[in-house]
Each structure stands twice: as structure tokens, then as C-alpha cells.
Amino acid sequence: MSTDYGQPPLAAVNRSSVERRLKEASEGGGLRETLTVEWRQHPKVVQVIDMPLESLYYNPGTHRIRAQRSFDAKRDQLLDEDPWCDESQEYLGYLLQAEPSDPSRPDKDFADLKESLKDFRQNEPGLITPDGVLVNGNTRAVALRQLGVANIRVGVLPDSYTWADVNAVELSLQLRHDTRREYSYINRLLTIEEQVSMGRQLVDVAREFRIRKTTAEQDLWVLACLRDLTERSKKGDSQLRLLDFEDAQEKLREVHRAYAKESKGDRRKAELLKENRLAAIVLDFSKTDVRLIEADFRTRYLEHRLPEQLKSVPAAAPAARRIPGINREVKSDEPQVAAARAFTDSLLQAKAVVRSTGTLPERELQLAADVFGAAKRAVEDALEPAGKDARVRKRKQAAPDRLNDACQDIEQCITDIVLARGSRSLDEESFDESVLKLKAALTKLGRTAAQSIEVHGDGVAWLLEAVREEKRD
């Protein structure tokens, strides 16, 4: 459900100002500007007016910075307790112009938006509640304030609005195809989860986000996985946040695809694959490196390269463990999976300490950095033979794959001949020339196979016999 943030301090003043300006716009001559919004599942046209920026408030429930709020835990808590105070509003303004993956840095997209507003002013109107809360246009309001612009053009929601309406209207406007900045990856995941938790069907949410239902299911799986990782990263007061995985979108999606595929055959191998790849993602390896990691990566390549402090076997697991978020118990992990989870946990906790913004003893920070660095070097060393083996496997599979493709082409050729026979449109001379080329290719393939393959299976034996018969003829 949507959080009800109540009314801001200047609500009465803003309502009076909005009513006066709407009346002036209605009574004035000339063309009136309007904005169409999705209001309670129906299009609604609202009047656009000018409002002074100094009296408006940033929306504390905006989806745009949902994940980034955790950047500063104290100010995040203050936002929940008093979203309208100056410090909370300043924090919202700061996050709206910060880089989603690292709010300590300015966002280049915000700088581009600010430059555009400076050159061309405001092209699209924002949207506010009658109380003066920005439903849409929060980021533009930050930029306009920095540019010293006094007013912003905004549409006004009906007086009967609720915070659920604010939530729904903001989402529908942000998902329109226009020049607005897209939600960051984590904020999009959180928004999909929020919409489903409000009772909406996943297929409807997917349609609104213009994605397939399977993609939405994948996004929810990734978010559940990330919540689990952040929970496992806790060490004292240090903990990773969802936004720390902002740049891992493609890697996480590939983990889901590989996990889903492996789960169909062997659930244990799927869990090993997932944990091994998540460990590499925590260590910030590239997507191409993560792809090299399979279920047996730890046992085949990594185990003997790990320093002793990272080889520790986890204590005996309980008979069952509880899955965070869904309150269900499942059988405890097998030893190999438990060891892989323990390794990932040690990396998560080390990274949480290293990234901690609190005051920690220098020795604790150094120990965490040493653990993280040693693990990264070990995985980096293990990736080299894993990559070589992957290239070998690829070369071994190249010839059979090409032959399978050729078989599919021949099957399609049979269909084409049948269709051409019905319409008498087959070019028989060209077809005969192509068959001769096939004959020559098969002859050459047979000779090469005879020289390269020592033990002949049924297929190779047939090919060699066909080539020998051709020679006798």
C-alpha cells in the first residue's frame, strides 16, 4: 500500500493560491494549456498554471529515488518521520541530482537536463497536488531552482486525490515515451514489486512497463535475490544497500537465465552456479568473466587458489532455513552449496565494511580490504584456466553446431521443393548445380573426418561408406 505522508505545512496557502490561479486561467482569454493524466484508470484533462517554486514540495514517495534514500540512513529515517522539514526536502533535492549508482557523485543526466532547461526553458508541464506537492517534475524543479527560475508550469490534480492516486499518476507519467529520464534499474524493480503488492496482476504491471510478463517475473526474482544479498551482508552496523547493485543489471539477468535453465535438470547445480556467479558480481567482475563461471567453478578452479581464511567450512546447518521475505522454510543447503554461500557471505560482509560510511577501527577496515582483495585475486587467477577451457569447449562444439545448422537448412529445402512442385516453379538446373556442390562438400567432409576421427560412430561410418561408394562409381 502507498504511504500517506499527510499534508505539508503550506498546504492551506498553496490550496488558496492554486484555486486563485485556476480561476484566473479559466476566466482569462486566449488558449488554455492542459495536461492529460491517467486518473483512476481513465484519461483526465487537468488545467496547467504557473506556481512559485519556493512554495512547492518534493514528493517524499517518488519512485525515482526510492533505492537511493538509503544512501544516508539517518536522513532516510528523518524522511519517514518528517518528510516536510527543511532537512528532508534538502535531502530529496540532493538525491534527485545524484548519480543513481553512487549518490555521492553528481548525475550527468541531471547536468544535461539543467543545460536543456537553461537553453530551451520548460517544454513539458509538471504536476502537483492542490497542496503543492510535486507529483511529476521533481527533478526539473531542482534544476529550475538552481537556475534561479521563480515559477514552474504545472497541472493540478483534483481535490479528491489520495496518496495512492499520487503514486499511480506519477508512475503512469514516468512510463510514457518522451524525454523524461527513465527510472534507475533498482527503482524500477522496487516499483514493479510495489504495484504487485498493491494487488495488481503481474501481467497488467508488465504491460504498463512495456515489458513481457516473463521479464517482470525475472525482475522480481532479481529483487528477491538482492534483498537476500543485502541481508547476508550485515556485519555489525555495516550493510550493503540495494543501490550498491545498480550497475549489475545485465549480469543479474544473466544469472537468472542460467539459474532457470540449470534448475530444470539439477537444483543443486543451479544453486552452486548462482552462488558462484553472485560472488563474482560482488567482486565487480565483468559480464564476460561472470559468464565463464559454472556450477563446478569452485571445485575445479578456485578451491586450491583460495587463501586459508576463505576456505573455512560453515558450521553444520540446521535441518531447514527460512527464506527472507516469503516466510517459508526449505531444506538446508548441501555442503558444497553451504560452502559457496559462506564464501559469498564473507565477500558481502567485507565489501559492506569497506564501503561503510560510519567510523570503524582502521584495523577492521584493513582486514576487510585484505579479505576482499585476496578473494578477487584468487577468482581472477581461477578465471584464466576456466576461460581457456571454455574456449576449448567452444571449438569442440563448433563443427557439430555448423552441421546441425546445415541439416536444418536441408529440411527447409525439402519443404521449399514440395511447395515449388505444386506451382511448377522449381529452377531444376540451379537445383542440380547446388546438389553437385553438396556432393563435393560431403566428399571433402568425409575425407577430413577420416583423417581426424579415430573411432568412427554410426554417422561417420555412413559418411565414409558413402564417399567410398562415390569413388567406386
Protein backbone atom coordinates (compact mmCIF):
# COMPACT_ATOMS: atom_id res chain seq x y z
CA MET A 1 0.00 0.00 0.00
CA SER A 2 1.04 3.62 -0.59
CA THR A 3 2.39 5.60 2.37
CA ASP A 4 0.21 8.51 3.46
CA TYR A 5 2.56 11.43 4.10
CA GLY A 6 -0.20 13.81 5.16
CA GLN A 7 -0.21 17.49 4.25
CA PRO A 8 2.80 19.81 4.09
CA PRO A 9 2.93 22.97 6.28
CA LEU A 10 2.00 25.33 3.40
CA ALA A 11 -0.92 23.17 2.24
CA ALA A 12 -3.61 25.77 3.05
CA VAL A 13 -1.61 28.60 1.44
CA ASN A 14 -0.96 26.52 -1.67
CA ARG A 15 -4.61 25.47 -1.97
CA SER A 16 -5.70 29.09 -1.89
CA SER A 17 -3.05 30.05 -4.46
CA VAL A 18 -3.98 27.12 -6.73
CA GLU A 19 -7.69 27.97 -6.60
CA ARG A 20 -7.00 31.62 -7.46
CA ARG A 21 -4.68 30.80 -10.34
CA LEU A 22 -7.04 28.15 -11.77
CA LYS A 23 -9.85 30.66 -11.67
CA GLU A 24 -7.73 33.30 -13.39
CA ALA A 25 -6.72 30.82 -16.08
CA SER A 26 -10.35 29.80 -16.68
CA GLU A 27 -11.63 33.37 -16.89
CA GLY A 28 -8.77 34.71 -18.96
CA GLY A 29 -8.89 34.84 -22.73
CA GLY A 30 -6.67 33.00 -25.14
CA LEU A 31 -5.67 29.38 -25.46
CA ARG A 32 -5.51 27.50 -22.15
CA GLU A 33 -2.78 24.91 -21.60
CA THR A 34 -3.88 21.49 -20.35
CA LEU A 35 -2.28 18.18 -19.42
CA THR A 36 -3.81 14.71 -19.82
CA VAL A 37 -3.14 12.26 -16.99
CA GLU A 38 -4.24 8.72 -16.21
CA TRP A 39 -6.71 9.30 -13.36
CA ARG A 40 -8.20 6.22 -11.71
CA GLN A 41 -7.80 4.19 -14.92
CA HIS A 42 -9.35 6.87 -17.13
CA PRO A 43 -7.80 9.79 -19.04
CA LYS A 44 -8.39 13.14 -17.37
CA VAL A 45 -7.55 16.61 -18.65
CA VAL A 46 -6.24 18.99 -15.97
CA GLN A 47 -5.57 22.72 -16.18
CA VAL A 48 -1.96 23.97 -16.28
CA ILE A 49 -0.96 27.03 -14.24
CA ASP A 50 2.22 28.77 -13.09
CA MET A 51 3.22 28.18 -9.46
CA PRO A 52 6.08 29.72 -7.45
CA LEU A 53 8.80 27.12 -6.89
CA GLU A 54 9.50 28.39 -3.37
CA SER A 55 6.11 27.17 -2.14
CA LEU A 56 6.23 23.66 -3.64
CA TYR A 57 7.47 20.45 -2.02
CA TYR A 58 9.37 17.47 -3.42
CA ASN A 59 7.40 14.24 -3.28
CA PRO A 60 8.83 12.02 -0.49
CA GLY A 61 7.25 8.96 -2.12
CA THR A 62 8.66 9.45 -5.62
CA HIS A 63 9.76 6.22 -7.28
CA ARG A 64 12.71 7.98 -8.88
CA ILE A 65 14.90 7.84 -5.75
CA ARG A 66 13.31 5.01 -3.76
CA ALA A 67 16.52 2.96 -3.56
CA GLN A 68 18.83 5.98 -3.20
CA ARG A 69 17.15 7.10 0.04
CA SER A 70 19.22 4.51 1.92
CA PHE A 71 22.40 6.40 0.98
CA ASP A 72 22.19 8.24 4.33
CA ALA A 73 20.41 6.11 6.95
CA LYS A 74 19.79 8.99 9.38
CA ARG A 75 18.28 11.31 6.80
CA ASP A 76 16.29 8.39 5.36
CA GLN A 77 14.77 7.85 8.81
CA LEU A 78 14.04 11.57 9.10
CA LEU A 79 12.23 11.42 5.76
CA ASP A 80 9.89 8.82 7.21
CA GLU A 81 9.35 10.80 10.40
CA ASP A 82 9.06 14.32 8.97
CA PRO A 83 9.14 14.44 5.14
CA TRP A 84 8.27 18.17 5.01
CA CYS A 85 11.02 19.64 7.19
CA ASP A 86 13.79 21.61 5.50
CA GLU A 87 16.44 18.91 6.04
CA SER A 88 14.26 16.19 4.50
CA GLN A 89 13.39 18.34 1.50
CA GLU A 90 17.06 19.24 1.03
CA TYR A 91 17.95 15.54 1.11
CA LEU A 92 15.34 14.79 -1.56
CA GLY A 93 16.72 17.62 -3.69
CA TYR A 94 20.24 16.24 -3.28
CA LEU A 95 19.25 12.71 -4.32
CA LEU A 96 17.30 13.93 -7.34
CA GLN A 97 20.50 15.34 -8.84
CA ALA A 98 22.82 12.50 -7.76
CA GLU A 99 24.01 9.52 -9.78
CA PRO A 100 21.71 6.55 -9.06
CA SER A 101 24.52 4.01 -8.64
CA ASP A 102 26.62 6.32 -6.44
CA PRO A 103 24.73 9.24 -4.85
CA SER A 104 28.00 10.77 -3.67
CA ARG A 105 28.60 11.84 -7.29
CA PRO A 106 26.58 14.25 -9.48
CA ASP A 107 24.46 12.70 -12.23
CA LYS A 108 25.48 13.57 -15.80
CA ASP A 109 21.86 13.24 -16.92
CA PHE A 110 20.87 15.91 -14.42
CA ALA A 111 23.55 18.22 -15.79
CA ASP A 112 22.17 17.63 -19.31
CA LEU A 113 18.62 18.36 -18.11
CA LYS A 114 19.74 21.55 -16.44
CA GLU A 115 21.54 22.68 -19.59
CA SER A 116 18.43 21.92 -21.67
CA LEU A 117 16.21 23.95 -19.31
CA LYS A 118 18.69 26.80 -19.45
CA ASP A 119 18.64 26.88 -23.26
CA PHE A 120 15.02 25.98 -24.03
CA ARG A 121 13.15 26.52 -20.74
CA GLN A 122 10.40 24.14 -19.68
CA ASN A 123 8.86 22.16 -22.56
CA GLU A 124 6.52 19.88 -20.61
CA PRO A 125 4.46 20.92 -17.57
CA GLY A 126 4.92 19.18 -14.25
CA LEU A 127 2.10 18.07 -12.00
CA ILE A 128 1.22 18.94 -8.38
CA THR A 129 -1.42 18.18 -5.79
CA PRO A 130 -3.66 21.07 -4.67
CA ASP A 131 -1.50 21.14 -1.51
CA GLY A 132 1.62 21.93 -3.54
CA VAL A 133 3.38 18.54 -3.61
CA LEU A 134 5.15 17.75 -6.89
CA VAL A 135 3.73 14.55 -8.36
CA ASN A 136 5.78 14.81 -11.53
CA GLY A 137 8.60 17.21 -12.33
CA ASN A 138 10.60 16.85 -9.11
CA THR A 139 13.96 16.71 -10.92
CA ARG A 140 13.02 19.64 -13.16
CA ALA A 141 12.08 21.62 -10.07
CA VAL A 142 15.57 21.06 -8.62
CA ALA A 143 17.19 22.23 -11.86
CA LEU A 144 14.93 25.27 -12.23
CA ARG A 145 15.65 26.33 -8.65
CA GLN A 146 19.39 26.11 -9.32
CA LEU A 147 18.91 28.23 -12.45
CA GLY A 148 17.14 30.88 -10.41
CA VAL A 149 13.78 30.44 -12.19
CA ALA A 150 10.92 31.66 -9.98
CA ASN A 151 7.96 29.70 -11.39
CA ILE A 152 7.19 26.28 -12.85
CA ARG A 153 4.30 25.29 -15.12
CA VAL A 154 2.25 22.51 -13.56
CA GLY A 155 -1.04 20.70 -13.94
CA VAL A 156 -3.13 20.25 -10.79
CA LEU A 157 -4.71 17.00 -9.57
CA PRO A 158 -8.38 17.03 -8.45
CA ASP A 159 -9.14 17.93 -4.81
CA SER A 160 -10.22 14.36 -4.09
CA TYR A 161 -6.72 12.97 -4.61
CA THR A 162 -5.19 10.40 -2.25
CA TRP A 163 -1.57 9.30 -1.88
CA ALA A 164 -2.49 6.15 -3.80
CA ASP A 165 -3.56 8.43 -6.68
CA VAL A 166 -0.26 10.35 -6.44
CA ASN A 167 1.62 7.06 -6.65
CA ALA A 168 -0.37 5.76 -9.64
CA VAL A 169 -0.32 9.03 -11.62
CA GLU A 170 3.42 9.52 -11.13
CA LEU A 171 4.08 6.01 -12.39
CA SER A 172 1.88 6.39 -15.48
CA LEU A 173 3.54 9.71 -16.42
CA GLN A 174 7.06 8.40 -15.92
CA LEU A 175 6.40 5.41 -18.17
CA ARG A 176 5.29 7.50 -21.10
CA HIS A 177 7.59 7.53 -24.15
CA ASP A 178 9.00 11.05 -24.08
CA THR A 179 12.14 12.88 -22.99
CA ARG A 180 11.86 12.09 -19.28
CA ARG A 181 14.73 10.29 -17.61
CA GLU A 182 13.99 6.62 -17.07
CA TYR A 183 13.84 5.14 -13.59
CA SER A 184 17.11 3.66 -12.45
CA TYR A 185 17.29 -0.15 -12.51
CA ILE A 186 16.72 -0.76 -8.78
CA ASN A 187 13.94 1.83 -8.58
CA ARG A 188 12.18 0.08 -11.46
CA LEU A 189 12.40 -3.25 -9.63
CA LEU A 190 11.01 -1.67 -6.47
CA THR A 191 8.16 -0.07 -8.39
CA ILE A 192 7.16 -3.36 -10.02
CA GLU A 193 7.19 -5.05 -6.61
CA GLU A 194 5.13 -2.24 -5.11
CA GLN A 195 2.50 -2.46 -7.83
CA VAL A 196 2.17 -6.24 -7.38
CA SER A 197 1.94 -5.85 -3.59
CA MET A 198 -0.99 -3.48 -4.12
CA GLY A 199 -2.95 -6.36 -5.64
CA ARG A 200 -2.38 -5.68 -9.33
CA GLN A 201 -1.91 -8.63 -11.68
CA LEU A 202 1.68 -9.06 -12.83
CA VAL A 203 0.61 -9.18 -16.47
CA ASP A 204 -1.01 -5.73 -16.09
CA VAL A 205 2.06 -4.29 -14.38
CA ALA A 206 4.28 -5.71 -17.14
CA ARG A 207 2.06 -4.16 -19.79
CA GLU A 208 2.34 -0.75 -18.11
CA PHE A 209 6.12 -1.05 -18.04
CA ARG A 210 6.04 -2.20 -21.69
CA ILE A 211 7.81 -5.46 -20.90
CA ARG A 212 6.84 -9.14 -21.14
CA LYS A 213 5.40 -10.92 -18.12
CA THR A 214 8.43 -13.22 -18.07
CA THR A 215 10.70 -10.17 -17.83
CA ALA A 216 8.67 -8.86 -14.89
CA GLU A 217 8.96 -12.28 -13.21
CA GLN A 218 12.70 -12.14 -13.79
CA ASP A 219 12.84 -8.66 -12.22
CA LEU A 220 11.02 -9.86 -9.11
CA TRP A 221 13.40 -12.84 -8.82
CA VAL A 222 16.39 -10.50 -9.07
CA LEU A 223 14.96 -8.14 -6.43
CA ALA A 224 14.34 -11.04 -4.02
CA CYS A 225 17.90 -12.20 -4.66
CA LEU A 226 19.28 -8.70 -3.96
CA ARG A 227 17.29 -8.40 -0.73
CA ASP A 228 18.80 -11.71 0.35
CA LEU A 229 22.30 -10.47 -0.51
CA THR A 230 21.89 -7.22 1.43
CA GLU A 231 20.60 -9.16 4.44
CA ARG A 232 23.56 -11.55 4.29
CA SER A 233 25.99 -8.60 4.06
CA LYS A 234 25.21 -7.39 7.60
CA LYS A 235 28.23 -7.15 9.87
CA GLY A 236 27.79 -5.00 12.92
CA ASP A 237 26.48 -1.65 11.75
CA SER A 238 27.74 -2.18 8.19
CA GLN A 239 25.46 -3.43 5.44
CA LEU A 240 25.25 -3.19 1.67
CA ARG A 241 22.25 -1.41 0.13
CA LEU A 242 20.17 -2.26 -2.91
CA LEU A 243 21.65 0.72 -4.74
CA ASP A 244 25.11 -0.89 -4.45
CA PHE A 245 23.95 -3.30 -7.20
CA GLU A 246 22.62 -0.57 -9.51
CA ASP A 247 25.19 -1.24 -12.25
CA ALA A 248 24.82 -5.04 -12.22
CA GLN A 249 21.59 -5.19 -14.24
CA GLU A 250 22.76 -7.31 -17.17
CA LYS A 251 24.89 -9.59 -15.00
CA LEU A 252 21.97 -10.29 -12.66
CA ARG A 253 19.64 -11.01 -15.56
CA GLU A 254 22.12 -13.50 -16.99
CA VAL A 255 22.41 -15.18 -13.58
CA HIS A 256 18.63 -15.64 -13.57
CA ARG A 257 18.59 -17.11 -17.09
CA ALA A 258 21.41 -19.54 -16.29
CA TYR A 259 19.83 -20.48 -12.95
CA ALA A 260 16.41 -21.11 -14.50
CA LYS A 261 17.95 -23.29 -17.22
CA GLU A 262 20.07 -25.33 -14.78
CA SER A 263 17.17 -25.73 -12.32
CA LYS A 264 15.26 -27.82 -14.85
CA GLY A 265 17.87 -30.56 -14.60
CA ASP A 266 19.67 -30.28 -11.26
CA ARG A 267 18.61 -27.88 -8.49
CA ARG A 268 21.85 -28.36 -6.54
CA LYS A 269 23.97 -27.40 -9.55
CA ALA A 270 21.70 -24.42 -10.13
CA GLU A 271 22.30 -23.19 -6.57
CA LEU A 272 26.06 -23.66 -6.96
CA LEU A 273 26.00 -21.78 -10.25
CA LYS A 274 24.03 -18.92 -8.70
CA GLU A 275 26.28 -18.57 -5.65
CA ASN A 276 29.48 -18.76 -7.71
CA ARG A 277 28.29 -16.09 -10.13
CA LEU A 278 26.92 -13.84 -7.37
CA ALA A 279 30.32 -13.97 -5.67
CA ALA A 280 31.92 -12.77 -8.92
CA ILE A 281 29.35 -9.96 -9.21
CA VAL A 282 30.09 -8.85 -5.64
CA LEU A 283 33.77 -8.75 -6.64
CA ASP A 284 32.85 -6.47 -9.57
CA PHE A 285 33.99 -8.78 -12.37
CA SER A 286 32.78 -8.03 -15.89
CA LYS A 287 29.83 -9.70 -17.58
CA THR A 288 32.11 -11.73 -19.86
CA ASP A 289 34.06 -13.01 -16.85
CA VAL A 290 30.90 -13.94 -14.96
CA ARG A 291 29.74 -15.98 -17.97
CA LEU A 292 32.78 -18.26 -17.59
CA ILE A 293 31.64 -19.38 -14.14
CA GLU A 294 29.68 -22.65 -13.97
CA ALA A 295 28.49 -24.86 -11.12
CA ASP A 296 31.87 -26.61 -10.80
CA PHE A 297 33.93 -23.39 -10.87
CA ARG A 298 34.83 -23.53 -7.17
CA THR A 299 35.86 -27.19 -7.07
CA ARG A 300 37.70 -27.24 -10.43
CA TYR A 301 39.44 -23.87 -10.49
CA LEU A 302 39.01 -21.83 -7.31
CA GLU A 303 39.29 -24.03 -4.20
CA HIS A 304 43.06 -24.65 -4.34
CA ARG A 305 43.72 -20.98 -5.09
CA LEU A 306 41.81 -19.60 -2.12
CA PRO A 307 43.75 -18.42 0.95
CA GLU A 308 43.11 -20.49 4.08
CA GLN A 309 40.87 -17.90 5.76
CA LEU A 310 38.44 -18.13 2.84
CA LYS A 311 38.35 -21.94 2.75
CA SER A 312 36.57 -22.26 6.06
CA VAL A 313 33.72 -24.78 6.01
CA PRO A 314 30.50 -23.39 7.51
CA ALA A 315 29.19 -24.87 10.72
CA ALA A 316 26.60 -27.63 10.43
CA ALA A 317 23.44 -26.11 9.00
CA PRO A 318 20.06 -26.57 10.68
CA ALA A 319 17.59 -29.03 9.24
CA ALA A 320 15.82 -26.16 7.48
CA ARG A 321 16.41 -22.50 6.73
CA ARG A 322 13.90 -19.70 6.32
CA ILE A 323 13.77 -17.75 3.05
CA PRO A 324 13.72 -14.00 3.72
CA GLY A 325 10.62 -12.15 2.58
CA ILE A 326 8.28 -15.10 2.00
CA ASN A 327 8.44 -16.71 5.46
CA ARG A 328 8.91 -20.26 4.15
CA GLU A 329 11.27 -22.97 5.31
CA VAL A 330 13.25 -25.16 2.92
CA LYS A 331 15.77 -27.96 3.41
CA SER A 332 19.19 -26.74 4.46
CA ASP A 333 21.90 -26.43 1.83
CA GLU A 334 24.12 -29.35 0.89
CA PRO A 335 27.77 -28.99 2.00
CA GLN A 336 29.04 -27.69 -1.36
CA VAL A 337 26.22 -25.14 -1.62
CA ALA A 338 26.70 -24.13 2.03
CA ALA A 339 30.43 -23.59 1.40
CA ALA A 340 29.66 -21.48 -1.68
CA ARG A 341 27.16 -19.39 0.33
CA ALA A 342 29.68 -18.94 3.12
CA PHE A 343 32.26 -17.67 0.61
CA THR A 344 29.75 -15.23 -0.89
CA ASP A 345 28.76 -14.09 2.62
CA SER A 346 32.37 -13.34 3.53
CA LEU A 347 32.71 -11.20 0.39
CA LEU A 348 29.43 -9.39 1.03
CA GLN A 349 30.40 -8.57 4.60
CA ALA A 350 33.91 -7.47 3.63
CA LYS A 351 32.52 -5.20 0.93
CA ALA A 352 29.94 -3.76 3.37
CA VAL A 353 32.71 -2.87 5.82
CA VAL A 354 34.91 -1.36 3.10
CA ARG A 355 32.02 0.77 1.81
CA SER A 356 30.79 1.71 5.27
CA THR A 357 30.30 5.45 5.79
CA GLY A 358 30.47 5.09 9.58
CA THR A 359 33.54 5.36 11.79
CA LEU A 360 35.17 1.95 12.04
CA PRO A 361 38.54 0.98 13.51
CA GLU A 362 41.36 1.14 10.99
CA ARG A 363 42.26 -2.48 11.69
CA GLU A 364 38.73 -3.69 10.86
CA LEU A 365 38.73 -1.74 7.59
CA GLN A 366 42.13 -3.13 6.64
CA LEU A 367 41.13 -6.72 7.43
CA ALA A 368 38.01 -6.38 5.27
CA ALA A 369 40.03 -4.86 2.43
CA ASP A 370 42.57 -7.68 2.68
CA VAL A 371 39.84 -10.34 2.52
CA PHE A 372 38.18 -8.68 -0.46
CA GLY A 373 41.49 -8.20 -2.28
CA ALA A 374 42.67 -11.77 -1.66
CA ALA A 375 39.37 -13.19 -2.89
CA LYS A 376 39.44 -11.07 -6.02
CA ARG A 377 42.98 -12.16 -6.87
CA ALA A 378 42.08 -15.82 -6.33
CA VAL A 379 38.98 -15.60 -8.55
CA GLU A 380 40.94 -13.68 -11.17
CA ASP A 381 43.57 -16.44 -11.24
CA ALA A 382 40.86 -19.12 -11.44
CA LEU A 383 39.13 -17.38 -14.34
CA GLU A 384 42.19 -17.82 -16.58
CA PRO A 385 42.03 -21.66 -16.83
CA ALA A 386 38.22 -21.50 -16.80
CA GLY A 387 38.36 -19.21 -19.81
CA LYS A 388 40.79 -21.49 -21.63
CA ASP A 389 38.57 -24.50 -21.03
CA ALA A 390 35.53 -22.57 -22.22
CA ARG A 391 37.30 -21.66 -25.46
CA VAL A 392 38.28 -25.32 -25.96
CA ARG A 393 34.68 -26.44 -25.41
CA LYS A 394 33.51 -23.84 -27.87
CA ARG A 395 35.95 -25.08 -30.52
CA LYS A 396 34.92 -28.70 -29.89
CA GLN A 397 31.27 -27.82 -30.38
CA ALA A 398 31.75 -25.57 -33.41
CA ALA A 399 31.79 -28.35 -36.08
CA PRO A 400 28.71 -30.21 -34.76
CA ASP A 401 26.81 -26.91 -34.45
CA ARG A 402 27.55 -25.98 -38.05
CA LEU A 403 26.49 -29.43 -39.27
CA ASN A 404 23.23 -29.15 -37.30
CA ASP A 405 22.58 -25.77 -38.94
CA ALA A 406 23.18 -27.35 -42.36
CA CYS A 407 20.67 -30.12 -41.54
CA GLN A 408 18.04 -27.52 -40.68
CA ASP A 409 18.71 -25.77 -43.98
CA ILE A 410 18.26 -29.06 -45.85
CA GLU A 411 14.97 -29.72 -44.02
CA GLN A 412 13.78 -26.27 -45.12
CA CYS A 413 14.97 -27.05 -48.66
CA ILE A 414 12.72 -30.16 -48.70
CA THR A 415 9.74 -28.01 -47.77
CA ASP A 416 10.62 -25.49 -50.49
CA ILE A 417 10.82 -28.26 -53.12
CA VAL A 418 7.38 -29.55 -52.19
CA LEU A 419 5.91 -26.06 -52.48
CA ALA A 420 7.70 -25.40 -55.76
CA ARG A 421 6.46 -28.71 -57.20
CA GLY A 422 2.88 -27.65 -56.60
CA SER A 423 3.36 -24.42 -58.52
CA ARG A 424 5.90 -25.81 -61.03
CA SER A 425 8.31 -23.04 -60.10
CA LEU A 426 11.46 -25.02 -59.28
CA ASP A 427 14.58 -23.99 -61.18
CA GLU A 428 15.81 -27.53 -61.85
CA GLU A 429 19.15 -26.58 -63.39
CA SER A 430 20.12 -24.38 -60.46
CA PHE A 431 18.96 -27.09 -58.06
CA ASP A 432 21.13 -29.69 -59.86
CA GLU A 433 24.17 -27.41 -59.59
CA SER A 434 23.55 -26.95 -55.87
CA VAL A 435 23.30 -30.72 -55.36
CA LEU A 436 26.68 -31.15 -57.06
CA LYS A 437 28.16 -28.60 -54.64
CA LEU A 438 26.62 -30.56 -51.76
CA LYS A 439 28.17 -33.76 -53.14
CA ALA A 440 31.60 -32.14 -53.31
CA ALA A 441 31.24 -30.73 -49.79
CA LEU A 442 30.19 -34.10 -48.36
CA THR A 443 33.10 -35.82 -50.11
CA LYS A 444 35.53 -33.32 -48.62
CA LEU A 445 33.85 -33.64 -45.20
CA GLY A 446 34.23 -37.43 -45.35
CA ARG A 447 37.95 -37.25 -46.18
CA THR A 448 38.57 -34.76 -43.37
CA ALA A 449 36.58 -36.86 -40.90
CA ALA A 450 38.55 -39.99 -41.86
CA GLN A 451 41.81 -38.16 -41.10
CA SER A 452 40.62 -36.51 -37.86
CA ILE A 453 38.37 -39.02 -36.10
CA GLU A 454 39.92 -42.24 -34.80
CA VAL A 455 36.82 -44.07 -33.54
CA HIS A 456 34.01 -43.95 -36.08
CA GLY A 457 30.44 -43.81 -34.85
CA ASP A 458 27.42 -44.76 -36.95
CA GLY A 459 27.18 -41.33 -38.55
CA VAL A 460 30.83 -41.03 -39.53
CA ALA A 461 30.85 -44.66 -40.72
CA TRP A 462 27.89 -43.94 -43.02
CA LEU A 463 29.60 -40.82 -44.38
CA LEU A 464 32.85 -42.67 -45.12
CA GLU A 465 30.98 -45.52 -46.83
CA ALA A 466 29.08 -43.03 -48.99
CA VAL A 467 32.36 -41.38 -50.02
CA ARG A 468 33.93 -44.76 -50.85
CA GLU A 469 30.92 -45.78 -52.97
CA GLU A 470 31.20 -42.50 -54.84
CA LYS A 471 34.84 -43.27 -55.64
CA ARG A 472 33.93 -46.77 -56.91
CA ASP A 473 31.25 -45.30 -59.13
